[in-house]
PDB file of N, CA and C in Angstrom:
ATOM      1  N   MET A   1      66.812  95.527  75.891  1.00  0.00           N
ATOM      2  CA  MET A   1      66.997  94.340  76.706  1.00  0.00           C
ATOM      3  C   MET A   1      66.886  94.675  78.192  1.00  0.00           C
ATOM      4  N   SER A   2      67.899  95.352  78.749  1.00  0.00           N
ATOM      5  CA  SER A   2      67.862  95.650  80.179  1.00  0.00           C
ATOM      6  C   SER A   2      67.374  97.074  80.390  1.00  0.00           C
ATOM      7  N   THR A   3      66.492  97.227  81.349  1.00  0.00           N
ATOM      8  CA  THR A   3      65.967  98.557  81.618  1.00  0.00           C
ATOM      9  C   THR A   3      66.688  99.200  82.792  1.00  0.00           C
ATOM     10  N   SER A   4      67.353  98.379  83.623  1.00  0.00           N
ATOM     11  CA  SER A   4      68.068  98.931  84.768  1.00  0.00           C
ATOM     12  C   SER A   4      69.530  98.481  84.733  1.00  0.00           C
ATOM     13  N   LYS A   5      70.278  98.979  85.696  1.00  0.00           N
ATOM     14  CA  LYS A   5      71.689  98.642  85.768  1.00  0.00           C
ATOM     15  C   LYS A   5      71.876  97.158  86.105  1.00  0.00           C
ATOM     16  N   VAL A   6      72.996  96.609  85.657  1.00  0.00           N
ATOM     17  CA  VAL A   6      73.322  95.212  85.958  1.00  0.00           C
ATOM     18  C   VAL A   6      73.938  95.166  87.348  1.00  0.00           C
ATOM     19  N   LYS A   7      73.458  94.246  88.176  1.00  0.00           N
ATOM     20  CA  LYS A   7      74.002  94.086  89.520  1.00  0.00           C
ATOM     21  C   LYS A   7      75.166  93.099  89.464  1.00  0.00           C
ATOM     22  N   THR A   8      76.292  93.502  90.014  1.00  0.00           N
ATOM     23  CA  THR A   8      77.496  92.665  89.965  1.00  0.00           C
ATOM     24  C   THR A   8      77.304  91.362  90.744  1.00  0.00           C
ATOM     25  N   ALA A   9      76.574  91.412  91.835  1.00  0.00           N
ATOM     26  CA  ALA A   9      76.358  90.210  92.656  1.00  0.00           C
ATOM     27  C   ALA A   9      75.677  89.102  91.846  1.00  0.00           C
ATOM     28  N   GLN A  10      74.802  89.482  90.921  1.00  0.00           N
ATOM     29  CA  GLN A  10      74.118  88.484  90.084  1.00  0.00           C
ATOM     30  C   GLN A  10      75.061  87.910  89.034  1.00  0.00           C
ATOM     31  N   LEU A  11      76.039  88.715  88.620  1.00  0.00           N
ATOM     32  CA  LEU A  11      76.945  88.270  87.557  1.00  0.00           C
ATOM     33  C   LEU A  11      77.899  87.162  88.018  1.00  0.00           C
ATOM     34  N   TRP A  12      78.299  87.202  89.293  1.00  0.00           N
ATOM     35  CA  TRP A  12      79.284  86.224  89.781  1.00  0.00           C
ATOM     36  C   TRP A  12      78.768  84.791  89.681  1.00  0.00           C
ATOM     37  N   SER A  13      77.472  84.620  89.799  1.00  0.00           N
ATOM     38  CA  SER A  13      76.911  83.255  89.765  1.00  0.00           C
ATOM     39  C   SER A  13      76.733  82.729  88.345  1.00  0.00           C
ATOM     40  N   LYS A  14      76.815  83.604  87.352  1.00  0.00           N
ATOM     41  CA  LYS A  14      76.598  83.190  85.962  1.00  0.00           C
ATOM     42  C   LYS A  14      77.830  82.516  85.377  1.00  0.00           C
ATOM     43  N   GLY A  15      77.581  81.704  84.351  1.00  0.00           N
ATOM     44  CA  GLY A  15      78.665  81.011  83.661  1.00  0.00           C
ATOM     45  C   GLY A  15      79.278  81.877  82.574  1.00  0.00           C
ATOM     46  N   LYS A  16      80.332  81.356  81.984  1.00  0.00           N
ATOM     47  CA  LYS A  16      81.086  82.099  80.964  1.00  0.00           C
ATOM     48  C   LYS A  16      80.219  82.425  79.742  1.00  0.00           C
ATOM     49  N   GLU A  17      79.454  81.434  79.289  1.00  0.00           N
ATOM     50  CA  GLU A  17      78.620  81.639  78.097  1.00  0.00           C
ATOM     51  C   GLU A  17      77.516  82.655  78.355  1.00  0.00           C
ATOM     52  N   ASP A  18      76.898  82.583  79.553  1.00  0.00           N
ATOM     53  CA  ASP A  18      75.844  83.543  79.899  1.00  0.00           C
ATOM     54  C   ASP A  18      76.397  84.963  79.926  1.00  0.00           C
ATOM     55  N   LEU A  19      77.606  85.110  80.481  1.00  0.00           N
ATOM     56  CA  LEU A  19      78.222  86.430  80.556  1.00  0.00           C
ATOM     57  C   LEU A  19      78.523  86.976  79.163  1.00  0.00           C
ATOM     58  N   LYS A  20      79.038  86.109  78.283  1.00  0.00           N
ATOM     59  CA  LYS A  20      79.338  86.546  76.915  1.00  0.00           C
ATOM     60  C   LYS A  20      78.059  86.958  76.185  1.00  0.00           C
ATOM     61  N   LYS A  21      76.992  86.181  76.395  1.00  0.00           N
ATOM     62  CA  LYS A  21      75.713  86.491  75.759  1.00  0.00           C
ATOM     63  C   LYS A  21      75.182  87.832  76.257  1.00  0.00           C
ATOM     64  N   GLN A  22      75.279  88.049  77.563  1.00  0.00           N
ATOM     65  CA  GLN A  22      74.803  89.307  78.137  1.00  0.00           C
ATOM     66  C   GLN A  22      75.639  90.483  77.618  1.00  0.00           C
ATOM     67  N   LEU A  23      76.944  90.266  77.465  1.00  0.00           N
ATOM     68  CA  LEU A  23      77.828  91.311  76.942  1.00  0.00           C
ATOM     69  C   LEU A  23      77.439  91.701  75.517  1.00  0.00           C
ATOM     70  N   ILE A  24      77.153  90.704  74.702  1.00  0.00           N
ATOM     71  CA  ILE A  24      76.737  90.968  73.317  1.00  0.00           C
ATOM     72  C   ILE A  24      75.420  91.744  73.299  1.00  0.00           C
ATOM     73  N   ASP A  25      74.476  91.327  74.159  1.00  0.00           N
ATOM     74  CA  ASP A  25      73.186  92.023  74.232  1.00  0.00           C
ATOM     75  C   ASP A  25      73.366  93.489  74.638  1.00  0.00           C
ATOM     76  N   LEU A  26      74.208  93.719  75.644  1.00  0.00           N
ATOM     77  CA  LEU A  26      74.440  95.088  76.109  1.00  0.00           C
ATOM     78  C   LEU A  26      75.094  95.931  75.020  1.00  0.00           C
ATOM     79  N   LYS A  27      76.031  95.344  74.288  1.00  0.00           N
ATOM     80  CA  LYS A  27      76.713  96.097  73.228  1.00  0.00           C
ATOM     81  C   LYS A  27      75.762  96.448  72.085  1.00  0.00           C
ATOM     82  N   THR A  28      74.877  95.512  71.746  1.00  0.00           N
ATOM     83  CA  THR A  28      73.900  95.827  70.692  1.00  0.00           C
ATOM     84  C   THR A  28      72.946  96.918  71.160  1.00  0.00           C
ATOM     85  N   GLU A  29      72.543  96.863  72.418  1.00  0.00           N
ATOM     86  CA  GLU A  29      71.665  97.894  72.964  1.00  0.00           C
ATOM     87  C   GLU A  29      72.365  99.253  72.968  1.00  0.00           C
ATOM     88  N   LEU A  30      73.653  99.258  73.302  1.00  0.00           N
ATOM     89  CA  LEU A  30      74.416 100.503  73.287  1.00  0.00           C
ATOM     90  C   LEU A  30      74.495 101.072  71.871  1.00  0.00           C
ATOM     91  N   GLY A  31      74.707 100.200  70.904  1.00  0.00           N
ATOM     92  CA  GLY A  31      74.739 100.641  69.505  1.00  0.00           C
ATOM     93  C   GLY A  31      73.421 101.262  69.082  1.00  0.00           C
ATOM     94  N   ALA A  32      72.327 100.639  69.493  1.00  0.00           N
ATOM     95  CA  ALA A  32      71.006 101.159  69.159  1.00  0.00           C
ATOM     96  C   ALA A  32      70.781 102.529  69.801  1.00  0.00           C
ATOM     97  N   LEU A  33      71.201 102.668  71.050  1.00  0.00           N
ATOM     98  CA  LEU A  33      71.031 103.955  71.743  1.00  0.00           C
ATOM     99  C   LEU A  33      71.868 105.050  71.090  1.00  0.00           C
ATOM    100  N   ARG A  34      73.052 104.690  70.621  1.00  0.00           N
ATOM    101  CA  ARG A  34      73.916 105.689  69.977  1.00  0.00           C
ATOM    102  C   ARG A  34      73.334 106.144  68.635  1.00  0.00           C
ATOM    103  N   THR A  35      72.710 105.216  67.911  1.00  0.00           N
ATOM    104  CA  THR A  35      72.066 105.627  66.648  1.00  0.00           C
ATOM    105  C   THR A  35      70.874 106.532  66.933  1.00  0.00           C
ATOM    106  N   GLN A  36      70.147 106.248  68.028  1.00  0.00           N
ATOM    107  CA  GLN A  36      69.023 107.111  68.415  1.00  0.00           C
ATOM    108  C   GLN A  36      69.518 108.507  68.783  1.00  0.00           C
ATOM    109  N   LYS A  37      70.689 108.542  69.418  1.00  0.00           N
ATOM    110  CA  LYS A  37      71.269 109.831  69.813  1.00  0.00           C
ATOM    111  C   LYS A  37      71.546 110.694  68.577  1.00  0.00           C
ATOM    112  N   ILE A  38      72.111 110.055  67.537  1.00  0.00           N
ATOM    113  CA  ILE A  38      72.416 110.775  66.304  1.00  0.00           C
ATOM    114  C   ILE A  38      71.122 111.221  65.622  1.00  0.00           C
ATOM    115  N   ALA A  39      70.121 110.342  65.659  1.00  0.00           N
ATOM    116  CA  ALA A  39      68.844 110.649  65.004  1.00  0.00           C
ATOM    117  C   ALA A  39      68.031 111.684  65.778  1.00  0.00           C
ATOM    118  N   GLY A  40      68.476 111.974  67.011  1.00  0.00           N
ATOM    119  CA  GLY A  40      67.752 112.970  67.818  1.00  0.00           C
ATOM    120  C   GLY A  40      66.669 112.331  68.650  1.00  0.00           C
ATOM    121  N   GLY A  41      67.015 111.306  69.391  1.00  0.00           N
ATOM    122  CA  GLY A  41      66.043 110.607  70.229  1.00  0.00           C
ATOM    123  C   GLY A  41      65.699 111.369  71.491  1.00  0.00           C
ATOM    124  N   ALA A  42      64.804 110.792  72.287  1.00  0.00           N
ATOM    125  CA  ALA A  42      64.356 111.422  73.528  1.00  0.00           C
ATOM    126  C   ALA A  42      65.506 111.471  74.536  1.00  0.00           C
ATOM    127  N   ALA A  43      65.468 112.454  75.405  1.00  0.00           N
ATOM    128  CA  ALA A  43      66.526 112.646  76.401  1.00  0.00           C
ATOM    129  C   ALA A  43      66.580 111.490  77.398  1.00  0.00           C
ATOM    130  N   SER A  44      65.412 110.911  77.690  1.00  0.00           N
ATOM    131  CA  SER A  44      65.378 109.794  78.648  1.00  0.00           C
ATOM    132  C   SER A  44      66.159 108.588  78.125  1.00  0.00           C
ATOM    133  N   LYS A  45      66.113 108.395  76.818  1.00  0.00           N
ATOM    134  CA  LYS A  45      66.861 107.286  76.205  1.00  0.00           C
ATOM    135  C   LYS A  45      68.358 107.573  76.247  1.00  0.00           C
ATOM    136  N   LEU A  46      68.717 108.835  76.065  1.00  0.00           N
ATOM    137  CA  LEU A  46      70.129 109.201  76.006  1.00  0.00           C
ATOM    138  C   LEU A  46      70.829 109.018  77.355  1.00  0.00           C
ATOM    139  N   THR A  47      70.089 109.197  78.442  1.00  0.00           N
ATOM    140  CA  THR A  47      70.703 109.013  79.759  1.00  0.00           C
ATOM    141  C   THR A  47      71.015 107.545  80.035  1.00  0.00           C
ATOM    142  N   LYS A  48      70.379 106.645  79.301  1.00  0.00           N
ATOM    143  CA  LYS A  48      70.635 105.208  79.493  1.00  0.00           C
ATOM    144  C   LYS A  48      72.012 104.805  78.971  1.00  0.00           C
ATOM    145  N   ILE A  49      72.590 105.603  78.056  1.00  0.00           N
ATOM    146  CA  ILE A  49      73.900 105.257  77.487  1.00  0.00           C
ATOM    147  C   ILE A  49      74.939 105.082  78.599  1.00  0.00           C
ATOM    148  N   HIS A  50      74.914 105.979  79.572  1.00  0.00           N
ATOM    149  CA  HIS A  50      75.848 105.894  80.702  1.00  0.00           C
ATOM    150  C   HIS A  50      75.681 104.581  81.455  1.00  0.00           C
ATOM    151  N   ASP A  51      74.429 104.234  81.768  1.00  0.00           N
ATOM    152  CA  ASP A  51      74.156 102.996  82.515  1.00  0.00           C
ATOM    153  C   ASP A  51      74.591 101.757  81.737  1.00  0.00           C
ATOM    154  N   ILE A  52      74.340 101.747  80.436  1.00  0.00           N
ATOM    155  CA  ILE A  52      74.708 100.593  79.611  1.00  0.00           C
ATOM    156  C   ILE A  52      76.224 100.446  79.565  1.00  0.00           C
ATOM    157  N   ARG A  53      76.936 101.575  79.409  1.00  0.00           N
ATOM    158  CA  ARG A  53      78.402 101.522  79.379  1.00  0.00           C
ATOM    159  C   ARG A  53      78.956 100.962  80.682  1.00  0.00           C
ATOM    160  N   LYS A  54      78.409 101.391  81.797  1.00  0.00           N
ATOM    161  CA  LYS A  54      78.863 100.900  83.097  1.00  0.00           C
ATOM    162  C   LYS A  54      78.515  99.420  83.282  1.00  0.00           C
ATOM    163  N   SER A  55      77.379  99.004  82.770  1.00  0.00           N
ATOM    164  CA  SER A  55      76.985  97.586  82.843  1.00  0.00           C
ATOM    165  C   SER A  55      77.945  96.720  82.037  1.00  0.00           C
ATOM    166  N   ILE A  56      78.348  97.209  80.860  1.00  0.00           N
ATOM    167  CA  ILE A  56      79.326  96.483  80.032  1.00  0.00           C
ATOM    168  C   ILE A  56      80.629  96.342  80.805  1.00  0.00           C
ATOM    169  N   ALA A  57      81.043  97.416  81.472  1.00  0.00           N
ATOM    170  CA  ALA A  57      82.280  97.379  82.257  1.00  0.00           C
ATOM    171  C   ALA A  57      82.179  96.352  83.383  1.00  0.00           C
ATOM    172  N   ARG A  58      81.023  96.274  84.027  1.00  0.00           N
ATOM    173  CA  ARG A  58      80.838  95.302  85.114  1.00  0.00           C
ATOM    174  C   ARG A  58      80.944  93.874  84.601  1.00  0.00           C
ATOM    175  N   VAL A  59      80.308  93.599  83.470  1.00  0.00           N
ATOM    176  CA  VAL A  59      80.342  92.252  82.891  1.00  0.00           C
ATOM    177  C   VAL A  59      81.779  91.888  82.517  1.00  0.00           C
ATOM    178  N   LEU A  60      82.488  92.821  81.873  1.00  0.00           N
ATOM    179  CA  LEU A  60      83.880  92.559  81.494  1.00  0.00           C
ATOM    180  C   LEU A  60      84.771  92.335  82.711  1.00  0.00           C
ATOM    181  N   THR A  61      84.511  93.081  83.790  1.00  0.00           N
ATOM    182  CA  THR A  61      85.280  92.912  85.019  1.00  0.00           C
ATOM    183  C   THR A  61      85.098  91.509  85.582  1.00  0.00           C
ATOM    184  N   VAL A  62      83.864  91.035  85.606  1.00  0.00           N
ATOM    185  CA  VAL A  62      83.590  89.685  86.122  1.00  0.00           C
ATOM    186  C   VAL A  62      84.242  88.625  85.228  1.00  0.00           C
ATOM    187  N   ILE A  63      84.165  88.807  83.911  1.00  0.00           N
ATOM    188  CA  ILE A  63      84.776  87.855  82.982  1.00  0.00           C
ATOM    189  C   ILE A  63      86.281  87.790  83.214  1.00  0.00           C
ATOM    190  N   ASN A  64      86.933  88.965  83.311  1.00  0.00           N
ATOM    191  CA  ASN A  64      88.380  89.005  83.511  1.00  0.00           C
ATOM    192  C   ASN A  64      88.795  88.423  84.856  1.00  0.00           C
ATOM    193  N   ALA A  65      88.027  88.706  85.903  1.00  0.00           N
ATOM    194  CA  ALA A  65      88.346  88.174  87.230  1.00  0.00           C
ATOM    195  C   ALA A  65      88.246  86.646  87.240  1.00  0.00           C
ATOM    196  N   ASN A  66      87.200  86.117  86.596  1.00  0.00           N
ATOM    197  CA  ASN A  66      87.046  84.655  86.516  1.00  0.00           C
ATOM    198  C   ASN A  66      88.195  84.029  85.739  1.00  0.00           C
ATOM    199  N   GLN A  67      88.593  84.685  84.659  1.00  0.00           N
ATOM    200  CA  GLN A  67      89.695  84.185  83.839  1.00  0.00           C
ATOM    201  C   GLN A  67      90.994  84.164  84.645  1.00  0.00           C
ATOM    202  N   ARG A  68      91.232  85.219  85.434  1.00  0.00           N
ATOM    203  CA  ARG A  68      92.452  85.288  86.243  1.00  0.00           C
ATOM    204  C   ARG A  68      92.467  84.202  87.324  1.00  0.00           C
ATOM    205  N   THR A  69      91.319  83.924  87.943  1.00  0.00           N
ATOM    206  CA  THR A  69      91.288  82.875  88.969  1.00  0.00           C
ATOM    207  C   THR A  69      91.573  81.514  88.351  1.00  0.00           C
ATOM    208  N   GLN A  70      91.036  81.282  87.150  1.00  0.00           N
ATOM    209  CA  GLN A  70      91.310  80.013  86.461  1.00  0.00           C
ATOM    210  C   GLN A  70      92.796  79.887  86.114  1.00  0.00           C
ATOM    211  N   LEU A  71      93.403  80.993  85.680  1.00  0.00           N
ATOM    212  CA  LEU A  71      94.837  80.972  85.362  1.00  0.00           C
ATOM    213  C   LEU A  71      95.666  80.731  86.616  1.00  0.00           C
ATOM    214  N   ARG A  72      95.259  81.331  87.741  1.00  0.00           N
ATOM    215  CA  ARG A  72      95.984  81.099  89.002  1.00  0.00           C
ATOM    216  C   ARG A  72      95.931  79.627  89.391  1.00  0.00           C
ATOM    217  N   ILE A  73      94.790  79.003  89.209  1.00  0.00           N
ATOM    218  CA  ILE A  73      94.653  77.570  89.516  1.00  0.00           C
ATOM    219  C   ILE A  73      95.547  76.754  88.588  1.00  0.00           C
ATOM    220  N   TYR A  74      95.565  77.103  87.302  1.00  0.00           N
ATOM    221  CA  TYR A  74      96.369  76.370  86.318  1.00  0.00           C
ATOM    222  C   TYR A  74      97.864  76.469  86.619  1.00  0.00           C
ATOM    223  N   TYR A  75      98.332  77.663  86.996  1.00  0.00           N
ATOM    224  CA  TYR A  75      99.762  77.882  87.218  1.00  0.00           C
ATOM    225  C   TYR A  75     100.203  77.657  88.660  1.00  0.00           C
ATOM    226  N   LYS A  76      99.303  77.117  89.508  1.00  0.00           N
ATOM    227  CA  LYS A  76      99.593  77.003  90.940  1.00  0.00           C
ATOM    228  C   LYS A  76     100.897  76.274  91.242  1.00  0.00           C
ATOM    229  N   ASN A  77     101.125  75.107  90.666  1.00  0.00           N
ATOM    230  CA  ASN A  77     102.318  74.328  90.992  1.00  0.00           C
ATOM    231  C   ASN A  77     103.354  74.324  89.870  1.00  0.00           C
ATOM    232  N   LYS A  78     103.246  75.279  88.961  1.00  0.00           N
ATOM    233  CA  LYS A  78     104.222  75.391  87.880  1.00  0.00           C
ATOM    234  C   LYS A  78     105.453  76.142  88.379  1.00  0.00           C
ATOM    235  N   LYS A  79     106.547  76.001  87.631  1.00  0.00           N
ATOM    236  CA  LYS A  79     107.790  76.652  88.032  1.00  0.00           C
ATOM    237  C   LYS A  79     107.708  78.166  87.865  1.00  0.00           C
ATOM    238  N   TYR A  80     107.127  78.622  86.770  1.00  0.00           N
ATOM    239  CA  TYR A  80     107.049  80.053  86.493  1.00  0.00           C
ATOM    240  C   TYR A  80     105.599  80.517  86.407  1.00  0.00           C
ATOM    241  N   LEU A  81     105.380  81.767  86.839  1.00  0.00           N
ATOM    242  CA  LEU A  81     104.071  82.414  86.735  1.00  0.00           C
ATOM    243  C   LEU A  81     104.123  83.456  85.628  1.00  0.00           C
ATOM    244  N   PRO A  82     103.041  83.680  84.912  1.00  0.00           N
ATOM    245  CA  PRO A  82     103.022  84.799  83.966  1.00  0.00           C
ATOM    246  C   PRO A  82     103.238  86.120  84.724  1.00  0.00           C
ATOM    247  N   LEU A  83     103.811  87.103  84.052  1.00  0.00           N
ATOM    248  CA  LEU A  83     104.166  88.365  84.706  1.00  0.00           C
ATOM    249  C   LEU A  83     102.973  89.057  85.355  1.00  0.00           C
ATOM    250  N   ASP A  84     101.820  89.014  84.707  1.00  0.00           N
ATOM    251  CA  ASP A  84     100.666  89.723  85.268  1.00  0.00           C
ATOM    252  C   ASP A  84     100.061  89.017  86.479  1.00  0.00           C
ATOM    253  N   LEU A  85     100.458  87.779  86.754  1.00  0.00           N
ATOM    254  CA  LEU A  85      99.963  87.076  87.941  1.00  0.00           C
ATOM    255  C   LEU A  85     100.963  87.145  89.097  1.00  0.00           C
ATOM    256  N   ARG A  86     102.169  87.630  88.838  1.00  0.00           N
ATOM    257  CA  ARG A  86     103.170  87.748  89.897  1.00  0.00           C
ATOM    258  C   ARG A  86     102.861  88.965  90.760  1.00  0.00           C
ATOM    259  N   PRO A  87     103.358  88.948  92.030  1.00  0.00           N
ATOM    260  CA  PRO A  87     103.126  90.124  92.876  1.00  0.00           C
ATOM    261  C   PRO A  87     103.835  91.349  92.314  1.00  0.00           C
ATOM    262  N   LYS A  88     103.166  92.498  92.344  1.00  0.00           N
ATOM    263  CA  LYS A  88     103.696  93.712  91.708  1.00  0.00           C
ATOM    264  C   LYS A  88     104.899  94.264  92.462  1.00  0.00           C
ATOM    265  N   GLN A  89     104.772  94.521  93.764  1.00  0.00           N
ATOM    266  CA  GLN A  89     105.819  95.100  94.615  1.00  0.00           C
ATOM    267  C   GLN A  89     106.418  96.346  93.974  1.00  0.00           C
ATOM    268  N   THR A  90     107.694  96.608  94.230  1.00  0.00           N
ATOM    269  CA  THR A  90     108.369  97.727  93.577  1.00  0.00           C
ATOM    270  C   THR A  90     109.486  97.164  92.722  1.00  0.00           C
ATOM    271  N   ARG A  91     109.998  97.986  91.834  1.00  0.00           N
ATOM    272  CA  ARG A  91     111.047  97.531  90.919  1.00  0.00           C
ATOM    273  C   ARG A  91     112.288  97.101  91.698  1.00  0.00           C
ATOM    274  N   ALA A  92     112.644  97.862  92.737  1.00  0.00           N
ATOM    275  CA  ALA A  92     113.826  97.545  93.538  1.00  0.00           C
ATOM    276  C   ALA A  92     113.661  96.211  94.264  1.00  0.00           C
ATOM    277  N   ILE A  93     112.480  95.972  94.825  1.00  0.00           N
ATOM    278  CA  ILE A  93     112.238  94.713  95.544  1.00  0.00           C
ATOM    279  C   ILE A  93     112.301  93.534  94.580  1.00  0.00           C
ATOM    280  N   ARG A  94     111.741  93.698  93.375  1.00  0.00           N
ATOM    281  CA  ARG A  94     111.764  92.604  92.398  1.00  0.00           C
ATOM    282  C   ARG A  94     113.183  92.261  91.968  1.00  0.00           C
ATOM    283  N   ARG A  95     114.079  93.243  91.971  1.00  0.00           N
ATOM    284  CA  ARG A  95     115.441  93.012  91.487  1.00  0.00           C
ATOM    285  C   ARG A  95     116.437  92.610  92.563  1.00  0.00           C
ATOM    286  N   ARG A  96     116.101  92.790  93.826  1.00  0.00           N
ATOM    287  CA  ARG A  96     117.086  92.493  94.861  1.00  0.00           C
ATOM    288  C   ARG A  96     117.319  90.990  94.993  1.00  0.00           C
ATOM    289  N   LEU A  97     118.419  90.640  95.662  1.00  0.00           N
ATOM    290  CA  LEU A  97     118.781  89.233  95.827  1.00  0.00           C
ATOM    291  C   LEU A  97     117.738  88.507  96.669  1.00  0.00           C
ATOM    292  N   SER A  98     117.563  87.226  96.373  1.00  0.00           N
ATOM    293  CA  SER A  98     116.662  86.417  97.191  1.00  0.00           C
ATOM    294  C   SER A  98     117.361  86.120  98.519  1.00  0.00           C
ATOM    295  N   LYS A  99     116.619  85.588  99.484  1.00  0.00           N
ATOM    296  CA  LYS A  99     117.186  85.267 100.795  1.00  0.00           C
ATOM    297  C   LYS A  99     118.346  84.282 100.651  1.00  0.00           C
ATOM    298  N   LYS A 100     118.159  83.290  99.798  1.00  0.00           N
ATOM    299  CA  LYS A 100     119.186  82.274  99.601  1.00  0.00           C
ATOM    300  C   LYS A 100     120.443  82.881  98.984  1.00  0.00           C
ATOM    301  N   GLU A 101     120.252  83.720  97.971  1.00  0.00           N
ATOM    302  CA  GLU A 101     121.399  84.350  97.307  1.00  0.00           C
ATOM    303  C   GLU A 101     122.149  85.286  98.257  1.00  0.00           C
ATOM    304  N   ALA A 102     121.420  86.007  99.093  1.00  0.00           N
ATOM    305  CA  ALA A 102     122.037  86.967 100.008  1.00  0.00           C
ATOM    306  C   ALA A 102     122.827  86.266 101.110  1.00  0.00           C
ATOM    307  N   SER A 103     122.405  85.052 101.478  1.00  0.00           N
ATOM    308  CA  SER A 103     123.070  84.355 102.578  1.00  0.00           C
ATOM    309  C   SER A 103     124.284  83.538 102.128  1.00  0.00           C
ATOM    310  N   ARG A 104     124.516  83.417 100.838  1.00  0.00           N
ATOM    311  CA  ARG A 104     125.656  82.641 100.343  1.00  0.00           C
ATOM    312  C   ARG A 104     126.974  83.337 100.672  1.00  0.00           C
ATOM    313  N   VAL A 105     128.006  82.527 100.980  1.00  0.00           N
ATOM    314  CA  VAL A 105     129.312  83.050 101.354  1.00  0.00           C
ATOM    315  C   VAL A 105     130.376  82.337 100.520  1.00  0.00           C
ATOM    316  N   THR A 106     131.397  83.086 100.064  1.00  0.00           N
ATOM    317  CA  THR A 106     132.468  82.476  99.263  1.00  0.00           C
ATOM    318  C   THR A 106     133.379  81.636 100.150  1.00  0.00           C
ATOM    319  N   GLU A 107     134.157  80.774  99.533  1.00  0.00           N
ATOM    320  CA  GLU A 107     135.107  79.924 100.279  1.00  0.00           C
ATOM    321  C   GLU A 107     136.107  80.788 101.041  1.00  0.00           C
ATOM    322  N   LYS A 108     136.609  81.818 100.377  1.00  0.00           N
ATOM    323  CA  LYS A 108     137.604  82.695 100.992  1.00  0.00           C
ATOM    324  C   LYS A 108     137.028  83.352 102.244  1.00  0.00           C
ATOM    325  N   GLN A 109     135.773  83.822 102.164  1.00  0.00           N
ATOM    326  CA  GLN A 109     135.135  84.471 103.311  1.00  0.00           C
ATOM    327  C   GLN A 109     134.896  83.479 104.445  1.00  0.00           C
ATOM    328  N   LYS A 110     134.563  82.227 104.091  1.00  0.00           N
ATOM    329  CA  LYS A 110     134.365  81.191 105.122  1.00  0.00           C
ATOM    330  C   LYS A 110     135.654  80.961 105.900  1.00  0.00           C
ATOM    331  N   LYS A 111     136.753  80.840 105.159  1.00  0.00           N
ATOM    332  CA  LYS A 111     138.057  80.611 105.817  1.00  0.00           C
ATOM    333  C   LYS A 111     138.433  81.801 106.686  1.00  0.00           C
ATOM    334  N   LYS A 112     138.206  82.985 106.184  1.00  0.00           N
ATOM    335  CA  LYS A 112     138.556  84.197 106.917  1.00  0.00           C
ATOM    336  C   LYS A 112     137.805  84.274 108.249  1.00  0.00           C
ATOM    337  N   THR A 113     136.503  83.990 108.215  1.00  0.00           N
ATOM    338  CA  THR A 113     135.713  84.049 109.457  1.00  0.00           C
ATOM    339  C   THR A 113     136.081  82.923 110.412  1.00  0.00           C
ATOM    340  N   MET A 114     136.486  81.770 109.856  1.00  0.00           N
ATOM    341  CA  MET A 114     136.870  80.646 110.713  1.00  0.00           C
ATOM    342  C   MET A 114     138.208  80.912 111.403  1.00  0.00           C
ATOM    343  N   HIS A 115     139.193  81.420 110.654  1.00  0.00           N
ATOM    344  CA  HIS A 115     140.527  81.635 111.212  1.00  0.00           C
ATOM    345  C   HIS A 115     140.655  82.926 112.018  1.00  0.00           C
ATOM    346  N   PHE A 116     139.856  83.920 111.700  1.00  0.00           N
ATOM    347  CA  PHE A 116     139.910  85.194 112.416  1.00  0.00           C
ATOM    348  C   PHE A 116     138.523  85.566 112.922  1.00  0.00           C
ATOM    349  N   PRO A 117     138.066  84.880 113.970  1.00  0.00           N
ATOM    350  CA  PRO A 117     136.714  85.168 114.468  1.00  0.00           C
ATOM    351  C   PRO A 117     136.655  86.543 115.138  1.00  0.00           C
ATOM    352  N   MET A 118     135.451  86.995 115.408  1.00  0.00           N
ATOM    353  CA  MET A 118     135.236  88.278 116.078  1.00  0.00           C
ATOM    354  C   MET A 118     135.867  88.205 117.474  1.00  0.00           C
ATOM    355  N   ARG A 119     136.629  89.221 117.810  1.00  0.00           N
ATOM    356  CA  ARG A 119     137.297  89.204 119.119  1.00  0.00           C
ATOM    357  C   ARG A 119     136.315  89.533 120.225  1.00  0.00           C
ATOM    358  N   LYS A 120     136.569  88.872 121.378  1.00  0.00           N
ATOM    359  CA  LYS A 120     135.723  89.096 122.544  1.00  0.00           C
ATOM    360  C   LYS A 120     136.513  89.886 123.568  1.00  0.00           C
ATOM    361  N   TYR A 121     135.939  90.951 124.048  1.00  0.00           N
ATOM    362  CA  TYR A 121     136.600  91.789 125.039  1.00  0.00           C
ATOM    363  C   TYR A 121     135.804  91.756 126.325  1.00  0.00           C
ATOM    364  N   ALA A 122     136.587  91.704 127.434  1.00  0.00           N
ATOM    365  CA  ALA A 122     135.950  91.768 128.753  1.00  0.00           C
ATOM    366  C   ALA A 122     136.020  93.212 129.197  1.00  0.00           C
ATOM    367  N   VAL A 123     134.880  93.792 129.502  1.00  0.00           N
ATOM    368  CA  VAL A 123     134.831  95.187 129.920  1.00  0.00           C
ATOM    369  C   VAL A 123     134.511  95.213 131.404  1.00  0.00           C
ATOM    370  N   LYS A 124     135.340  95.967 132.149  1.00  0.00           N
ATOM    371  CA  LYS A 124     135.139  96.053 133.590  1.00  0.00           C
ATOM    372  C   LYS A 124     134.012  97.036 133.869  1.00  0.00           C
ATOM    373  N   ALA A 125     133.051  96.607 134.659  1.00  0.00           N
ATOM    374  CA  ALA A 125     131.917  97.462 135.006  1.00  0.00           C
ATOM    375  C   ALA A 125     132.295  98.351 136.190  1.00  0.00           C
ATOM    376  N   GLU A 126     132.024  99.614 136.062  1.00  0.00           N
ATOM    377  CA  GLU A 126     132.317 100.542 137.164  1.00  0.00           C
ATOM    378  C   GLU A 126     131.143 100.603 138.119  1.00  0.00           C
ATOM    379  N   VAL A 127     131.508 100.586 139.379  1.00  0.00           N
ATOM    380  CA  VAL A 127     130.460 100.592 140.413  1.00  0.00           C
ATOM    381  C   VAL A 127     130.399 101.887 141.143  1.00  0.00           C
TER     382      VAL A 127
END
């Protein structure tokens, strides 16, 4: 089917069905090349296996990226996001209190700060 590498720029403009069809074609071509390898085919054919494998990876990358963008659009205004669409950050950052939770104060603490405010001291400046 393909004699050269697949260009990623061309893949972005293709639709889902075209990408799936191209993926199937590449996989069948890879299977054919692998059988030739076992049968003792020409060396020039064997070097194409690398290119075909990389082309399959490119097609799959485009398919997955398109799928993720569609999922982001679908979950845009939903309450929860799937875990793989949430920001990764670090484990500690994901577990720490939110801004709202961190700023909350108990009734007892409110009374304490109201009745015993921070003391103000006048310091004489030396000249």
